[in-house]
Amino acid sequence: MVEGTVVHIGEKSGLHYRHPRPEWSMEMEHIELSSFPTSDPEDLYNKEELEVLSRDFPQGGFVGFDGDLAVAWV
């Protein structure tokens, strides 16, 4: 079971969106790397930066879940 309040459900996708949490930072990093495969990883957020961002500004983003699997974030 995924922690965190569902703040939106995708009308077409059915994804459950929650505000990011530090414990999801590794999944968020993997999503970003797979979404931008030609980018220099140094130009993208890393796990540690995502942990800080999630702690300091959780309402600034969303993580989309398909069941218990994080599949998107913005």
C-alpha atoms as a PDB file:
ATOM      1  CA  MET A   1       0.000   0.000   0.000  1.00  0.00           C
ATOM      2  CA  VAL A   2       1.336   3.411  -1.002  1.00  0.00           C
ATOM      3  CA  GLU A   3       1.484   6.058   1.756  1.00  0.00           C
ATOM      4  CA  GLY A   4       0.166   9.548   1.118  1.00  0.00           C
ATOM      5  CA  THR A   5      -3.159  11.115   0.281  1.00  0.00           C
ATOM      6  CA  VAL A   6      -4.422  10.795  -3.276  1.00  0.00           C
ATOM      7  CA  VAL A   7      -4.815  14.382  -4.501  1.00  0.00           C
ATOM      8  CA  HIS A   8      -6.048  13.558  -8.007  1.00  0.00           C
ATOM      9  CA  ILE A   9      -7.063  10.557 -10.107  1.00  0.00           C
ATOM     10  CA  GLY A  10      -6.283  10.729 -13.820  1.00  0.00           C
ATOM     11  CA  GLU A  11      -9.534  10.969 -15.747  1.00  0.00           C
ATOM     12  CA  LYS A  12      -8.314   8.760 -18.604  1.00  0.00           C
ATOM     13  CA  SER A  13      -5.278   7.010 -17.124  1.00  0.00           C
ATOM     14  CA  GLY A  14      -6.749   6.177 -13.740  1.00  0.00           C
ATOM     15  CA  LEU A  15      -3.367   6.967 -12.174  1.00  0.00           C
ATOM     16  CA  HIS A  16      -3.482   8.039  -8.543  1.00  0.00           C
ATOM     17  CA  TYR A  17      -1.470  11.213  -7.986  1.00  0.00           C
ATOM     18  CA  ARG A  18       0.103  12.056  -4.644  1.00  0.00           C
ATOM     19  CA  HIS A  19       2.473  14.789  -3.516  1.00  0.00           C
ATOM     20  CA  PRO A  20       6.070  13.483  -3.518  1.00  0.00           C
ATOM     21  CA  ARG A  21       7.619  11.933  -0.429  1.00  0.00           C
ATOM     22  CA  PRO A  22      11.353  11.476   0.263  1.00  0.00           C
ATOM     23  CA  GLU A  23      11.028   7.678   0.317  1.00  0.00           C
ATOM     24  CA  TRP A  24       9.974   7.734  -3.353  1.00  0.00           C
ATOM     25  CA  SER A  25      13.089   9.616  -4.499  1.00  0.00           C
ATOM     26  CA  MET A  26      14.792   6.552  -6.007  1.00  0.00           C
ATOM     27  CA  GLU A  27      11.731   5.725  -8.101  1.00  0.00           C
ATOM     28  CA  MET A  28      11.460   9.369  -9.158  1.00  0.00           C
ATOM     29  CA  GLU A  29      15.117   9.361 -10.213  1.00  0.00           C
ATOM     30  CA  HIS A  30      14.568   6.230 -12.341  1.00  0.00           C
ATOM     31  CA  ILE A  31      11.477   7.755 -13.970  1.00  0.00           C
ATOM     32  CA  GLU A  32      13.394  10.925 -14.844  1.00  0.00           C
ATOM     33  CA  LEU A  33      16.379   9.009 -16.259  1.00  0.00           C
ATOM     34  CA  SER A  34      14.108   6.836 -18.416  1.00  0.00           C
ATOM     35  CA  SER A  35      12.104   9.875 -19.566  1.00  0.00           C
ATOM     36  CA  PHE A  36      15.211  11.789 -20.679  1.00  0.00           C
ATOM     37  CA  PRO A  37      17.625   9.046 -21.823  1.00  0.00           C
ATOM     38  CA  THR A  38      19.754  11.349 -23.981  1.00  0.00           C
ATOM     39  CA  SER A  39      20.243  13.978 -21.259  1.00  0.00           C
ATOM     40  CA  ASP A  40      23.429  14.185 -19.258  1.00  0.00           C
ATOM     41  CA  PRO A  41      22.497  12.709 -15.833  1.00  0.00           C
ATOM     42  CA  GLU A  42      24.339  15.643 -14.240  1.00  0.00           C
ATOM     43  CA  ASP A  43      21.629  17.910 -15.683  1.00  0.00           C
ATOM     44  CA  LEU A  44      18.843  15.926 -14.003  1.00  0.00           C
ATOM     45  CA  TYR A  45      17.791  15.605 -10.374  1.00  0.00           C
ATOM     46  CA  ASN A  46      19.469  12.834  -8.407  1.00  0.00           C
ATOM     47  CA  LYS A  47      18.046  10.828  -5.499  1.00  0.00           C
ATOM     48  CA  GLU A  48      19.469  13.131  -2.823  1.00  0.00           C
ATOM     49  CA  GLU A  49      18.176  16.289  -4.528  1.00  0.00           C
ATOM     50  CA  LEU A  50      14.741  14.725  -4.926  1.00  0.00           C
ATOM     51  CA  GLU A  51      14.683  13.811  -1.221  1.00  0.00           C
ATOM     52  CA  VAL A  52      15.370  17.445  -0.292  1.00  0.00           C
ATOM     53  CA  LEU A  53      12.817  18.755  -2.802  1.00  0.00           C
ATOM     54  CA  SER A  54      10.176  16.331  -1.514  1.00  0.00           C
ATOM     55  CA  ARG A  55      10.824  17.325   2.094  1.00  0.00           C
ATOM     56  CA  ASP A  56      11.059  21.083   1.537  1.00  0.00           C
ATOM     57  CA  PHE A  57       8.349  21.589  -1.102  1.00  0.00           C
ATOM     58  CA  PRO A  58       6.041  18.553  -1.323  1.00  0.00           C
ATOM     59  CA  GLN A  59       3.112  20.515  -2.761  1.00  0.00           C
ATOM     60  CA  GLY A  60       5.337  21.502  -5.687  1.00  0.00           C
ATOM     61  CA  GLY A  61       4.907  18.234  -7.537  1.00  0.00           C
ATOM     62  CA  PHE A  62       2.969  15.048  -8.098  1.00  0.00           C
ATOM     63  CA  VAL A  63       3.886  11.380  -8.386  1.00  0.00           C
ATOM     64  CA  GLY A  64       1.547   9.179 -10.421  1.00  0.00           C
ATOM     65  CA  PHE A  65       0.958   5.615  -9.272  1.00  0.00           C
ATOM     66  CA  ASP A  66      -0.431   2.644 -11.133  1.00  0.00           C
ATOM     67  CA  GLY A  67      -1.336   0.509  -8.147  1.00  0.00           C
ATOM     68  CA  ASP A  68       1.807   0.460  -5.973  1.00  0.00           C
ATOM     69  CA  LEU A  69       4.149   1.341  -8.851  1.00  0.00           C
ATOM     70  CA  ALA A  70       5.354   4.926  -9.348  1.00  0.00           C
ATOM     71  CA  VAL A  71       5.141   5.551 -13.097  1.00  0.00           C
ATOM     72  CA  ALA A  72       5.202   9.348 -13.490  1.00  0.00           C
ATOM     73  CA  TRP A  73       6.180  12.532 -11.718  1.00  0.00           C
ATOM     74  CA  VAL A  74       6.126  16.259 -12.349  1.00  0.00           C
END
